[in-house]
N, C-alpha and C. Protein backbone atom coordinates (compact mmCIF):
# COMPACT_ATOMS: atom_id res chain seq x y z
N UNK A 1 26.94 -19.52 11.28
CA UNK A 1 26.66 -18.99 9.95
C UNK A 1 27.58 -17.80 9.71
N UNK A 2 28.19 -17.74 8.54
CA UNK A 2 29.10 -16.62 8.27
C UNK A 2 28.34 -15.31 8.11
N UNK A 3 29.01 -14.23 8.42
CA UNK A 3 28.43 -12.90 8.22
C UNK A 3 28.17 -12.69 6.74
N UNK A 4 27.12 -11.88 6.37
CA UNK A 4 26.83 -11.66 4.95
C UNK A 4 28.02 -11.20 4.13
N UNK A 5 28.91 -10.39 4.73
CA UNK A 5 30.06 -9.90 3.97
C UNK A 5 31.07 -11.01 3.70
N UNK A 6 31.00 -12.13 4.47
CA UNK A 6 31.93 -13.23 4.28
C UNK A 6 31.44 -14.24 3.25
N UNK A 7 30.20 -14.12 2.81
CA UNK A 7 29.67 -15.07 1.83
C UNK A 7 30.33 -14.82 0.46
N UNK A 8 30.80 -15.87 -0.17
CA UNK A 8 31.44 -15.68 -1.47
C UNK A 8 30.39 -15.49 -2.56
N UNK A 9 30.71 -14.68 -3.53
CA UNK A 9 29.93 -14.52 -4.75
C UNK A 9 28.46 -14.16 -4.53
N UNK A 10 28.17 -13.34 -3.53
CA UNK A 10 26.80 -12.89 -3.33
C UNK A 10 26.56 -11.67 -4.21
N UNK A 11 25.57 -11.78 -5.06
CA UNK A 11 25.22 -10.68 -5.96
C UNK A 11 23.95 -10.02 -5.42
N UNK A 12 24.13 -8.93 -4.65
CA UNK A 12 23.00 -8.27 -4.03
C UNK A 12 22.06 -7.65 -5.05
N UNK A 13 22.58 -7.20 -6.17
CA UNK A 13 21.72 -6.64 -7.21
C UNK A 13 20.79 -7.72 -7.76
N UNK A 14 21.33 -8.92 -7.99
CA UNK A 14 20.51 -10.03 -8.48
C UNK A 14 19.46 -10.40 -7.43
N UNK A 15 19.83 -10.41 -6.16
CA UNK A 15 18.88 -10.71 -5.09
C UNK A 15 17.75 -9.67 -5.07
N UNK A 16 18.08 -8.41 -5.23
CA UNK A 16 17.08 -7.33 -5.29
C UNK A 16 16.16 -7.54 -6.48
N UNK A 17 16.75 -7.79 -7.65
CA UNK A 17 15.95 -7.94 -8.88
C UNK A 17 15.03 -9.15 -8.84
N UNK A 18 15.46 -10.23 -8.22
CA UNK A 18 14.69 -11.48 -8.25
C UNK A 18 13.89 -11.74 -6.97
N UNK A 19 13.84 -10.78 -6.06
CA UNK A 19 13.09 -10.96 -4.82
C UNK A 19 11.62 -11.28 -5.15
N UNK A 20 10.98 -12.12 -4.34
CA UNK A 20 9.60 -12.52 -4.62
C UNK A 20 8.56 -11.44 -4.32
N UNK A 21 8.96 -10.32 -3.74
CA UNK A 21 8.09 -9.17 -3.49
C UNK A 21 8.55 -8.02 -4.35
N UNK A 22 7.64 -7.12 -4.66
CA UNK A 22 8.04 -5.90 -5.34
C UNK A 22 8.85 -5.04 -4.39
N UNK A 23 10.00 -4.55 -4.82
CA UNK A 23 10.87 -3.71 -3.98
C UNK A 23 11.13 -2.38 -4.67
N UNK A 24 11.17 -1.33 -3.87
CA UNK A 24 11.43 0.02 -4.38
C UNK A 24 12.38 0.73 -3.44
N UNK A 25 13.36 1.39 -3.99
CA UNK A 25 14.17 2.36 -3.26
C UNK A 25 13.59 3.72 -3.61
N UNK A 26 13.34 4.54 -2.57
CA UNK A 26 12.67 5.82 -2.83
C UNK A 26 13.47 6.99 -2.30
N UNK A 27 13.18 8.14 -2.88
CA UNK A 27 13.73 9.41 -2.41
C UNK A 27 12.66 10.47 -2.65
N UNK A 28 12.27 11.14 -1.59
CA UNK A 28 11.25 12.19 -1.67
C UNK A 28 9.99 11.72 -2.40
N UNK A 29 9.54 10.50 -2.05
CA UNK A 29 8.33 9.87 -2.58
C UNK A 29 8.39 9.64 -4.10
N UNK A 30 9.61 9.47 -4.60
CA UNK A 30 9.81 9.12 -6.01
C UNK A 30 10.57 7.79 -6.07
N UNK A 31 10.36 7.06 -7.14
CA UNK A 31 10.99 5.75 -7.34
C UNK A 31 12.40 5.95 -7.88
N UNK A 32 13.40 5.58 -7.10
CA UNK A 32 14.80 5.68 -7.51
C UNK A 32 15.22 4.40 -8.22
N UNK A 33 14.74 3.26 -7.71
CA UNK A 33 15.03 1.97 -8.32
C UNK A 33 13.91 1.02 -7.93
N UNK A 34 13.69 0.01 -8.75
CA UNK A 34 12.66 -1.00 -8.44
C UNK A 34 13.08 -2.32 -9.06
N UNK A 35 12.46 -3.40 -8.58
CA UNK A 35 12.84 -4.72 -9.09
C UNK A 35 11.83 -5.24 -10.11
N UNK A 36 12.13 -6.41 -10.66
CA UNK A 36 11.30 -7.02 -11.69
C UNK A 36 9.90 -7.33 -11.19
N UNK A 37 9.79 -7.81 -9.95
CA UNK A 37 8.48 -8.17 -9.41
C UNK A 37 7.56 -6.96 -9.33
N UNK A 38 8.10 -5.81 -8.94
CA UNK A 38 7.28 -4.60 -8.89
C UNK A 38 6.81 -4.23 -10.29
N UNK A 39 7.70 -4.32 -11.27
CA UNK A 39 7.33 -4.00 -12.65
C UNK A 39 6.20 -4.91 -13.13
N UNK A 40 6.32 -6.19 -12.85
CA UNK A 40 5.28 -7.14 -13.25
C UNK A 40 3.97 -6.84 -12.54
N UNK A 41 4.03 -6.54 -11.27
CA UNK A 41 2.83 -6.25 -10.48
C UNK A 41 2.06 -5.06 -11.04
N UNK A 42 2.77 -4.02 -11.41
CA UNK A 42 2.13 -2.80 -11.90
C UNK A 42 2.04 -2.75 -13.42
N UNK A 43 2.52 -3.79 -14.10
CA UNK A 43 2.39 -3.88 -15.55
C UNK A 43 3.23 -2.89 -16.32
N UNK A 44 4.34 -2.50 -15.78
CA UNK A 44 5.16 -1.47 -16.40
C UNK A 44 6.61 -1.92 -16.52
N UNK A 45 7.32 -1.33 -17.47
CA UNK A 45 8.75 -1.55 -17.60
C UNK A 45 9.46 -0.69 -16.56
N UNK A 46 10.63 -1.14 -16.16
CA UNK A 46 11.41 -0.41 -15.16
C UNK A 46 11.60 1.05 -15.58
N UNK A 47 11.85 1.28 -16.85
CA UNK A 47 12.08 2.64 -17.37
C UNK A 47 10.84 3.53 -17.21
N UNK A 48 9.66 2.91 -17.15
CA UNK A 48 8.43 3.68 -16.96
C UNK A 48 8.24 4.10 -15.51
N UNK A 49 8.89 3.41 -14.59
CA UNK A 49 8.68 3.67 -13.17
C UNK A 49 9.80 4.48 -12.52
N UNK A 50 11.05 4.18 -12.85
CA UNK A 50 12.17 4.87 -12.23
C UNK A 50 12.11 6.37 -12.57
N UNK A 51 12.22 7.17 -11.52
CA UNK A 51 12.16 8.62 -11.68
C UNK A 51 10.75 9.18 -11.50
N UNK A 52 9.76 8.31 -11.44
CA UNK A 52 8.37 8.75 -11.29
C UNK A 52 8.00 8.89 -9.82
N UNK A 53 7.04 9.74 -9.54
CA UNK A 53 6.46 9.86 -8.21
C UNK A 53 5.65 8.60 -7.92
N UNK A 54 5.56 8.23 -6.64
CA UNK A 54 4.69 7.13 -6.23
C UNK A 54 3.25 7.41 -6.63
N UNK A 55 2.92 8.63 -6.91
CA UNK A 55 1.55 9.03 -7.28
C UNK A 55 1.00 8.14 -8.39
N UNK A 56 1.82 7.72 -9.35
CA UNK A 56 1.31 6.94 -10.48
C UNK A 56 0.81 5.56 -10.06
N UNK A 57 1.15 5.11 -8.85
CA UNK A 57 0.72 3.80 -8.37
C UNK A 57 -0.61 3.86 -7.62
N UNK A 58 -1.10 5.05 -7.36
CA UNK A 58 -2.33 5.24 -6.60
C UNK A 58 -3.52 5.48 -7.52
N UNK A 59 -4.72 5.05 -7.07
CA UNK A 59 -5.92 5.29 -7.89
C UNK A 59 -6.27 6.77 -8.02
N UNK A 60 -5.88 7.60 -7.04
CA UNK A 60 -6.21 9.02 -7.11
C UNK A 60 -5.13 9.85 -6.42
N UNK A 61 -5.07 11.13 -6.80
CA UNK A 61 -4.12 12.06 -6.17
C UNK A 61 -4.43 12.24 -4.69
N UNK A 62 -5.73 12.26 -4.34
CA UNK A 62 -6.11 12.40 -2.93
C UNK A 62 -5.57 11.26 -2.09
N UNK A 63 -5.69 10.02 -2.60
CA UNK A 63 -5.19 8.87 -1.84
C UNK A 63 -3.68 8.93 -1.67
N UNK A 64 -3.00 9.38 -2.68
CA UNK A 64 -1.54 9.56 -2.60
C UNK A 64 -1.19 10.57 -1.51
N UNK A 65 -1.87 11.72 -1.51
CA UNK A 65 -1.59 12.77 -0.53
C UNK A 65 -1.92 12.31 0.89
N UNK A 66 -3.08 11.68 1.05
CA UNK A 66 -3.48 11.25 2.39
C UNK A 66 -2.58 10.14 2.91
N UNK A 67 -2.14 9.25 2.03
CA UNK A 67 -1.22 8.19 2.47
C UNK A 67 0.09 8.80 2.95
N UNK A 68 0.59 9.78 2.23
CA UNK A 68 1.83 10.44 2.65
C UNK A 68 1.71 11.09 4.00
N UNK A 69 0.57 11.75 4.24
CA UNK A 69 0.33 12.40 5.53
C UNK A 69 0.18 11.37 6.65
N UNK A 70 -0.44 10.24 6.35
CA UNK A 70 -0.65 9.18 7.35
C UNK A 70 0.65 8.46 7.69
N UNK A 71 1.52 8.30 6.70
CA UNK A 71 2.76 7.55 6.88
C UNK A 71 3.79 8.33 7.71
N UNK A 72 3.90 9.62 7.47
CA UNK A 72 4.97 10.42 8.08
C UNK A 72 5.06 10.30 9.61
N UNK A 73 3.98 10.49 10.36
CA UNK A 73 4.13 10.40 11.83
C UNK A 73 4.48 9.01 12.32
N UNK A 74 3.99 7.98 11.64
CA UNK A 74 4.31 6.60 12.04
C UNK A 74 5.78 6.32 11.77
N UNK A 75 6.27 6.76 10.61
CA UNK A 75 7.68 6.57 10.28
C UNK A 75 8.57 7.36 11.23
N UNK A 76 8.13 8.56 11.63
CA UNK A 76 8.90 9.34 12.59
C UNK A 76 9.05 8.59 13.90
N UNK A 77 8.00 7.94 14.34
CA UNK A 77 8.01 7.25 15.63
C UNK A 77 8.69 5.89 15.58
N UNK A 78 8.41 5.12 14.52
CA UNK A 78 8.89 3.72 14.48
C UNK A 78 9.95 3.46 13.43
N UNK A 79 10.09 4.34 12.46
CA UNK A 79 11.06 4.11 11.39
C UNK A 79 10.56 3.19 10.30
N UNK A 80 9.35 2.64 10.48
CA UNK A 80 8.76 1.75 9.48
C UNK A 80 7.25 1.91 9.48
N UNK A 81 6.60 1.45 8.40
CA UNK A 81 5.16 1.59 8.24
C UNK A 81 4.67 0.42 7.39
N UNK A 82 3.45 -0.05 7.68
CA UNK A 82 2.85 -1.12 6.87
C UNK A 82 1.34 -0.97 6.88
N UNK A 83 0.72 -1.27 5.75
CA UNK A 83 -0.74 -1.33 5.67
C UNK A 83 -1.15 -2.06 4.39
N UNK A 84 -2.44 -2.33 4.31
CA UNK A 84 -3.04 -2.83 3.08
C UNK A 84 -3.76 -1.65 2.45
N UNK A 85 -3.60 -1.50 1.14
CA UNK A 85 -4.26 -0.40 0.45
C UNK A 85 -4.57 -0.81 -0.97
N UNK A 86 -5.43 -0.05 -1.60
CA UNK A 86 -5.75 -0.30 -3.00
C UNK A 86 -4.78 0.51 -3.84
N UNK A 87 -4.16 -0.17 -4.81
CA UNK A 87 -3.22 0.47 -5.73
C UNK A 87 -3.76 0.33 -7.15
N UNK A 88 -3.06 0.92 -8.12
CA UNK A 88 -3.52 0.92 -9.51
C UNK A 88 -2.41 0.45 -10.44
N UNK A 89 -2.77 -0.45 -11.35
CA UNK A 89 -1.79 -0.92 -12.34
C UNK A 89 -1.52 0.23 -13.32
N UNK A 90 -0.26 0.39 -13.67
CA UNK A 90 0.20 1.55 -14.43
C UNK A 90 0.07 1.37 -15.94
N UNK A 91 0.38 0.19 -16.43
CA UNK A 91 0.42 -0.02 -17.88
C UNK A 91 0.07 -1.47 -18.19
N UNK A 92 0.19 -1.82 -19.44
CA UNK A 92 -0.05 -3.19 -19.85
C UNK A 92 -1.51 -3.49 -20.08
N UNK A 93 -1.82 -4.76 -20.24
CA UNK A 93 -3.18 -5.20 -20.55
C UNK A 93 -4.16 -4.86 -19.44
N UNK A 94 -3.69 -4.73 -18.20
CA UNK A 94 -4.57 -4.46 -17.06
C UNK A 94 -4.43 -3.02 -16.56
N UNK A 95 -3.96 -2.13 -17.41
CA UNK A 95 -3.75 -0.73 -17.03
C UNK A 95 -5.02 -0.15 -16.42
N UNK A 96 -4.85 0.57 -15.30
CA UNK A 96 -5.97 1.21 -14.63
C UNK A 96 -6.69 0.32 -13.64
N UNK A 97 -6.45 -0.98 -13.69
CA UNK A 97 -7.10 -1.91 -12.76
C UNK A 97 -6.63 -1.63 -11.34
N UNK A 98 -7.56 -1.64 -10.40
CA UNK A 98 -7.19 -1.47 -9.00
C UNK A 98 -7.06 -2.84 -8.34
N UNK A 99 -6.20 -2.91 -7.33
CA UNK A 99 -5.98 -4.17 -6.63
C UNK A 99 -5.50 -3.89 -5.21
N UNK A 100 -5.79 -4.84 -4.30
CA UNK A 100 -5.32 -4.73 -2.93
C UNK A 100 -3.84 -5.09 -2.87
N UNK A 101 -3.10 -4.31 -2.11
CA UNK A 101 -1.66 -4.49 -2.01
C UNK A 101 -1.23 -4.28 -0.56
N UNK A 102 -0.37 -5.16 -0.06
CA UNK A 102 0.24 -4.95 1.26
C UNK A 102 1.54 -4.20 1.03
N UNK A 103 1.67 -3.06 1.67
CA UNK A 103 2.83 -2.18 1.48
C UNK A 103 3.55 -2.02 2.81
N UNK A 104 4.86 -2.23 2.79
CA UNK A 104 5.69 -2.05 3.99
C UNK A 104 6.88 -1.18 3.61
N UNK A 105 7.18 -0.21 4.46
CA UNK A 105 8.30 0.67 4.18
C UNK A 105 9.15 0.92 5.39
N UNK A 106 10.39 1.28 5.13
CA UNK A 106 11.34 1.62 6.20
C UNK A 106 12.10 2.87 5.77
N UNK A 107 12.09 3.86 6.65
CA UNK A 107 12.81 5.11 6.38
C UNK A 107 14.28 4.93 6.72
N UNK A 108 15.15 5.51 5.94
CA UNK A 108 16.57 5.50 6.27
C UNK A 108 16.85 6.45 7.43
N UNK A 109 16.02 7.52 7.55
CA UNK A 109 16.17 8.51 8.60
C UNK A 109 14.78 8.83 9.14
N UNK A 110 14.50 8.43 10.38
CA UNK A 110 13.17 8.64 10.97
C UNK A 110 12.76 10.10 10.98
N UNK A 111 13.72 10.98 11.18
CA UNK A 111 13.41 12.40 11.25
C UNK A 111 12.93 12.96 9.91
N UNK A 112 13.28 12.29 8.83
CA UNK A 112 12.86 12.70 7.48
C UNK A 112 12.28 11.47 6.77
N UNK A 113 11.05 11.06 7.14
CA UNK A 113 10.52 9.77 6.70
C UNK A 113 10.34 9.61 5.20
N UNK A 114 10.11 10.69 4.48
CA UNK A 114 9.93 10.57 3.04
C UNK A 114 11.24 10.82 2.26
N UNK A 115 12.29 11.23 2.95
CA UNK A 115 13.53 11.58 2.27
C UNK A 115 14.13 10.40 1.52
N UNK A 116 14.20 9.24 2.15
CA UNK A 116 14.75 8.04 1.49
C UNK A 116 14.27 6.82 2.25
N UNK A 117 13.98 5.76 1.50
CA UNK A 117 13.51 4.55 2.16
C UNK A 117 13.50 3.36 1.22
N UNK A 118 13.11 2.24 1.78
CA UNK A 118 12.94 1.03 0.99
C UNK A 118 11.53 0.51 1.27
N UNK A 119 10.85 0.09 0.22
CA UNK A 119 9.45 -0.32 0.29
C UNK A 119 9.27 -1.68 -0.36
N UNK A 120 8.39 -2.49 0.24
CA UNK A 120 8.02 -3.75 -0.39
C UNK A 120 6.52 -3.70 -0.69
N UNK A 121 6.15 -4.35 -1.79
CA UNK A 121 4.76 -4.39 -2.25
C UNK A 121 4.40 -5.85 -2.52
N UNK A 122 3.28 -6.29 -1.92
CA UNK A 122 2.80 -7.64 -2.15
C UNK A 122 1.39 -7.56 -2.72
N UNK A 123 1.20 -8.09 -3.92
CA UNK A 123 -0.09 -8.10 -4.59
C UNK A 123 -1.00 -9.10 -3.88
N UNK A 124 -2.11 -8.62 -3.34
CA UNK A 124 -3.06 -9.47 -2.61
C UNK A 124 -4.26 -9.86 -3.47
N UNK A 125 -4.24 -9.53 -4.76
CA UNK A 125 -5.42 -9.73 -5.60
C UNK A 125 -5.84 -11.19 -5.74
N UNK A 126 -4.92 -12.14 -5.60
CA UNK A 126 -5.30 -13.55 -5.69
C UNK A 126 -6.17 -13.96 -4.51
N UNK A 127 -6.00 -13.28 -3.37
CA UNK A 127 -6.78 -13.59 -2.17
C UNK A 127 -7.90 -12.60 -1.91
N UNK A 128 -7.77 -11.41 -2.48
CA UNK A 128 -8.67 -10.33 -2.10
C UNK A 128 -8.87 -9.39 -3.29
N UNK A 129 -9.97 -9.56 -3.98
CA UNK A 129 -10.26 -8.75 -5.16
C UNK A 129 -10.96 -7.46 -4.76
N UNK A 130 -10.81 -6.43 -5.58
CA UNK A 130 -11.56 -5.20 -5.41
C UNK A 130 -12.82 -5.38 -6.26
N UNK A 131 -13.93 -5.72 -5.61
CA UNK A 131 -15.16 -6.03 -6.34
C UNK A 131 -16.04 -4.82 -6.56
N UNK A 132 -16.43 -4.18 -5.50
CA UNK A 132 -17.35 -3.05 -5.61
C UNK A 132 -16.59 -1.80 -6.05
N UNK A 133 -17.27 -0.93 -6.77
CA UNK A 133 -16.67 0.35 -7.16
C UNK A 133 -16.66 1.24 -5.93
N UNK A 134 -15.50 1.56 -5.44
CA UNK A 134 -15.36 2.31 -4.20
C UNK A 134 -14.75 3.68 -4.46
N UNK A 135 -15.15 4.65 -3.63
CA UNK A 135 -14.53 5.97 -3.68
C UNK A 135 -13.18 5.89 -2.98
N UNK A 136 -12.33 6.88 -3.18
CA UNK A 136 -11.03 6.86 -2.48
C UNK A 136 -11.18 6.74 -0.96
N UNK A 137 -12.09 7.49 -0.36
CA UNK A 137 -12.25 7.44 1.09
C UNK A 137 -12.80 6.08 1.52
N UNK A 138 -13.71 5.50 0.74
CA UNK A 138 -14.23 4.16 1.06
C UNK A 138 -13.10 3.14 1.04
N UNK A 139 -12.19 3.26 0.09
CA UNK A 139 -11.04 2.34 0.03
C UNK A 139 -10.18 2.47 1.28
N UNK A 140 -9.96 3.70 1.74
CA UNK A 140 -9.15 3.91 2.94
C UNK A 140 -9.83 3.33 4.18
N UNK A 141 -11.13 3.58 4.33
CA UNK A 141 -11.86 3.03 5.48
C UNK A 141 -11.86 1.51 5.39
N UNK A 142 -12.09 0.95 4.21
CA UNK A 142 -12.08 -0.51 4.03
C UNK A 142 -10.73 -1.09 4.43
N UNK A 143 -9.65 -0.44 4.05
CA UNK A 143 -8.31 -0.93 4.40
C UNK A 143 -8.14 -0.98 5.91
N UNK A 144 -8.63 0.03 6.61
CA UNK A 144 -8.51 0.05 8.08
C UNK A 144 -9.42 -0.97 8.73
N UNK A 145 -10.59 -1.19 8.16
CA UNK A 145 -11.51 -2.18 8.72
C UNK A 145 -10.92 -3.58 8.68
N UNK A 146 -10.14 -3.87 7.66
CA UNK A 146 -9.60 -5.22 7.49
C UNK A 146 -8.30 -5.46 8.24
N UNK A 147 -7.77 -4.43 8.89
CA UNK A 147 -6.53 -4.63 9.65
C UNK A 147 -6.80 -5.13 11.05
N UNK A 148 -8.05 -5.34 11.39
CA UNK A 148 -8.37 -6.07 12.61
C UNK A 148 -8.67 -5.25 13.84
N UNK A 149 -9.91 -5.26 14.23
CA UNK A 149 -10.31 -4.79 15.54
C UNK A 149 -10.26 -3.31 15.80
N UNK A 150 -10.14 -2.49 14.79
CA UNK A 150 -10.08 -1.05 15.03
C UNK A 150 -11.48 -0.46 15.17
N UNK A 151 -11.64 0.44 16.11
CA UNK A 151 -12.90 1.13 16.30
C UNK A 151 -13.02 2.29 15.32
N UNK A 152 -14.23 2.83 15.21
CA UNK A 152 -14.44 4.00 14.34
C UNK A 152 -13.59 5.17 14.81
N UNK A 153 -13.45 5.32 16.13
CA UNK A 153 -12.63 6.42 16.65
C UNK A 153 -11.16 6.24 16.26
N UNK A 154 -10.65 5.00 16.35
CA UNK A 154 -9.25 4.74 15.98
C UNK A 154 -9.04 4.96 14.48
N UNK A 155 -9.98 4.50 13.68
CA UNK A 155 -9.87 4.70 12.22
C UNK A 155 -9.93 6.20 11.91
N UNK A 156 -10.86 6.90 12.57
CA UNK A 156 -10.98 8.34 12.36
C UNK A 156 -9.70 9.08 12.69
N UNK A 157 -9.08 8.72 13.82
CA UNK A 157 -7.79 9.35 14.19
C UNK A 157 -6.73 9.08 13.13
N UNK A 158 -6.67 7.84 12.66
CA UNK A 158 -5.65 7.47 11.66
C UNK A 158 -5.86 8.22 10.34
N UNK A 159 -7.11 8.47 10.00
CA UNK A 159 -7.41 9.12 8.72
C UNK A 159 -7.61 10.63 8.85
N UNK A 160 -7.64 11.13 10.10
CA UNK A 160 -7.84 12.56 10.30
C UNK A 160 -9.28 12.99 10.03
N UNK A 161 -10.25 12.11 10.32
CA UNK A 161 -11.66 12.42 10.14
C UNK A 161 -12.40 12.03 11.42
N UNK A 162 -13.64 12.45 11.55
CA UNK A 162 -14.41 12.13 12.76
C UNK A 162 -14.86 10.67 12.74
N UNK A 163 -15.15 10.13 13.93
CA UNK A 163 -15.64 8.75 13.99
C UNK A 163 -17.01 8.64 13.33
N UNK A 164 -17.80 9.71 13.34
CA UNK A 164 -19.10 9.69 12.66
C UNK A 164 -18.92 9.59 11.14
N UNK A 165 -17.91 10.22 10.64
CA UNK A 165 -17.63 10.11 9.20
C UNK A 165 -17.21 8.69 8.86
N UNK A 166 -16.44 8.07 9.72
CA UNK A 166 -16.06 6.67 9.52
C UNK A 166 -17.31 5.80 9.51
N UNK A 167 -18.23 6.05 10.46
CA UNK A 167 -19.46 5.27 10.52
C UNK A 167 -20.31 5.45 9.26
N UNK A 168 -20.32 6.66 8.71
CA UNK A 168 -21.02 6.94 7.46
C UNK A 168 -20.44 6.08 6.32
N UNK A 169 -19.11 6.08 6.21
CA UNK A 169 -18.48 5.29 5.14
C UNK A 169 -18.63 3.79 5.38
N UNK A 170 -18.61 3.37 6.63
CA UNK A 170 -18.84 1.95 6.95
C UNK A 170 -20.24 1.54 6.48
N UNK A 171 -21.24 2.40 6.73
CA UNK A 171 -22.61 2.11 6.30
C UNK A 171 -22.70 2.02 4.78
N UNK A 172 -22.01 2.92 4.10
CA UNK A 172 -22.00 2.87 2.62
C UNK A 172 -21.36 1.58 2.13
N UNK A 173 -20.26 1.18 2.77
CA UNK A 173 -19.60 -0.07 2.39
C UNK A 173 -20.52 -1.27 2.64
N UNK A 174 -21.23 -1.23 3.74
CA UNK A 174 -22.15 -2.34 4.05
C UNK A 174 -23.22 -2.45 2.96
N UNK A 175 -23.74 -1.32 2.50
CA UNK A 175 -24.74 -1.35 1.41
C UNK A 175 -24.12 -1.88 0.13
N UNK A 176 -22.94 -1.40 -0.23
CA UNK A 176 -22.30 -1.81 -1.48
C UNK A 176 -21.96 -3.30 -1.49
N UNK A 177 -21.57 -3.82 -0.34
CA UNK A 177 -21.18 -5.23 -0.26
C UNK A 177 -22.33 -6.13 0.20
N UNK A 178 -23.50 -5.54 0.48
CA UNK A 178 -24.64 -6.33 0.92
C UNK A 178 -24.39 -7.02 2.24
N UNK A 179 -23.66 -6.37 3.13
CA UNK A 179 -23.29 -6.96 4.42
C UNK A 179 -24.38 -6.71 5.45
N UNK A 180 -24.65 -7.71 6.28
CA UNK A 180 -25.68 -7.63 7.31
C UNK A 180 -25.17 -7.05 8.62
N UNK A 181 -23.85 -7.11 8.84
CA UNK A 181 -23.26 -6.62 10.08
C UNK A 181 -21.84 -6.15 9.81
N UNK A 182 -21.25 -5.51 10.81
CA UNK A 182 -19.85 -5.06 10.66
C UNK A 182 -18.92 -6.25 10.44
N UNK A 183 -19.16 -7.33 11.19
CA UNK A 183 -18.32 -8.54 11.02
C UNK A 183 -18.49 -9.13 9.63
N UNK A 184 -19.72 -9.13 9.13
CA UNK A 184 -19.99 -9.64 7.77
C UNK A 184 -19.28 -8.76 6.74
N UNK A 185 -19.28 -7.45 6.96
CA UNK A 185 -18.59 -6.54 6.04
C UNK A 185 -17.10 -6.86 5.99
N UNK A 186 -16.46 -7.01 7.15
CA UNK A 186 -15.03 -7.33 7.18
C UNK A 186 -14.77 -8.63 6.44
N UNK A 187 -15.61 -9.62 6.67
CA UNK A 187 -15.43 -10.91 5.98
C UNK A 187 -15.56 -10.74 4.47
N UNK A 188 -16.53 -9.96 4.02
CA UNK A 188 -16.73 -9.73 2.57
C UNK A 188 -15.58 -8.93 1.98
N UNK A 189 -15.09 -7.96 2.73
CA UNK A 189 -13.94 -7.18 2.25
C UNK A 189 -12.71 -8.08 2.10
N UNK A 190 -12.50 -8.94 3.08
CA UNK A 190 -11.34 -9.84 3.03
C UNK A 190 -11.45 -10.84 1.88
N UNK A 191 -12.67 -11.27 1.58
CA UNK A 191 -12.88 -12.24 0.51
C UNK A 191 -12.86 -11.58 -0.86
N UNK A 192 -13.01 -10.26 -0.88
CA UNK A 192 -13.03 -9.55 -2.15
C UNK A 192 -14.42 -9.44 -2.63
C-alpha cells in the first residue's frame, strides 16, 4: 500500500469535513475547527462553534470544569483520553437536549494536554437515551458505572470524591431508574 503522501488527489480537508464522527481541533479547550458531523450532532452551524469554549457543549459549567481536571492527568500520562459523558445540544430544534456521547481526544503535547488536540465525538443517543433527570454529579457517576467493572473506590479516585459519596449517588441513581441491584442499574443506564 502506498504511503499517504503518495496517494494522488487526496483532499484531507474533505476527509475531515465528511468523517462519520464529529471531529474538533482544539486549543486551550476552545474549538479551533470542527466538521459537519459535529455541527449536526450539536445542532449548530460551524460559525456558532468555532472560537467557542468547549463549555457550550456541556450541560453545566461544573461538568466542564471537572471534565477538564479529570482529563489532564490521563492525557499527561497517555497522550489520549476517552469516556462516555452526557453532552448538550447547542442550537436548533433540539437545543438544550442532553445526550450520551463517546468522546476521545489526543493531545499534541502530553506535557500540555489542553494546549492543542484533536477530539472525536460519537452520538450514542440512538442506543442510550438520557431518560431520568440527573444532576451533574449523577451523570458523572453514571458514566463511570457504564464503563465496566469499576468499584466505588476507583470511581471516587477518578472523580476526586470519596467512595461513600459514590455509593450515595449510586443509590440515588438506583431509585431514579427503579433498579433492584447494581447490575440492574448498569443495564438500565446502558439501555437509556
